[in-house]
Amino acid sequence: MADFASAECLQRFGAYTGGAYDDSDLEVATVRPDRDSWSKTGDREVACVLYKKDSPLTGSRHKA
């Protein structure tokens, strides 16, 4: 699940931000279901989170 989530978030990075991940100073983290939430509650959602190492972000990075 971790590999799938990371790959999906990276694939969507350019469309969301308007730039390539490799040319960006942003990092991508994922929030995804764990084994219990997958099996017990049917959790199937993945969230992509953008962040900057050692620097707070303010505002959206949507097509920034």
Protein backbone atom coordinates (compact mmCIF):
# COMPACT_ATOMS: atom_id res chain seq x y z
CA MET A 1 0.00 0.00 0.00
CA ALA A 2 2.84 2.40 0.81
CA ASP A 3 4.45 1.91 -2.60
CA PHE A 4 1.12 2.30 -4.39
CA ALA A 5 0.27 5.48 -2.47
CA SER A 6 3.68 7.04 -3.11
CA ALA A 7 3.57 6.22 -6.81
CA GLU A 8 0.06 7.67 -7.20
CA CYS A 9 0.96 10.87 -5.37
CA LEU A 10 4.11 11.39 -7.42
CA GLN A 11 2.20 10.71 -10.64
CA ARG A 12 -0.32 13.45 -9.77
CA PHE A 13 2.25 15.96 -8.50
CA GLY A 14 2.76 17.82 -11.78
CA ALA A 15 -0.92 18.19 -12.56
CA TYR A 16 -1.57 19.57 -9.07
CA THR A 17 1.40 21.90 -8.69
CA GLY A 18 2.07 22.79 -12.30
CA GLY A 19 5.71 21.68 -12.06
CA ALA A 20 7.83 18.56 -12.03
CA TYR A 21 8.59 16.87 -8.72
CA ASP A 22 12.30 16.60 -9.56
CA ASP A 23 12.48 20.38 -10.11
CA SER A 24 10.60 21.20 -6.92
CA ASP A 25 11.75 21.95 -3.39
CA LEU A 26 8.69 20.12 -2.06
CA GLU A 27 8.50 16.63 -0.59
CA VAL A 28 5.52 14.27 -0.74
CA ALA A 29 4.17 12.21 2.15
CA THR A 30 1.17 9.91 2.13
CA VAL A 31 -1.59 9.22 4.61
CA ARG A 32 -3.07 5.82 3.92
CA PRO A 33 -5.09 3.09 5.60
CA ASP A 34 -3.35 0.69 7.90
CA ARG A 35 -4.18 -3.01 8.01
CA ASP A 36 -6.86 -2.60 10.69
CA SER A 37 -8.70 0.31 9.08
CA TRP A 38 -8.56 -1.48 5.71
CA SER A 39 -10.10 -4.69 7.01
CA LYS A 40 -12.35 -3.44 9.83
CA THR A 41 -13.78 -0.19 8.47
CA GLY A 42 -13.24 -0.47 4.73
CA ASP A 43 -10.91 2.54 4.61
CA ARG A 44 -9.61 2.89 1.06
CA GLU A 45 -8.60 6.55 0.83
CA VAL A 46 -5.10 7.88 0.32
CA ALA A 47 -4.14 11.51 0.91
CA CYS A 48 -1.08 13.17 -0.59
CA VAL A 49 0.62 15.75 1.59
CA LEU A 50 3.15 18.30 0.34
CA TYR A 51 5.76 19.70 2.70
CA LYS A 52 9.09 21.45 2.71
CA LYS A 53 11.95 20.17 4.82
CA ASP A 54 12.88 22.61 7.59
CA SER A 55 10.45 25.27 6.38
CA PRO A 56 6.74 25.78 7.00
CA LEU A 57 4.39 26.06 4.05
CA THR A 58 1.61 28.58 3.98
CA GLY A 59 -1.23 28.42 1.53
CA SER A 60 -1.94 26.02 -1.26
CA ARG A 61 0.56 24.80 -3.81
CA HIS A 62 -2.16 24.10 -6.34
CA LYS A 63 -0.72 25.24 -9.67
CA ALA A 64 1.57 27.57 -7.72
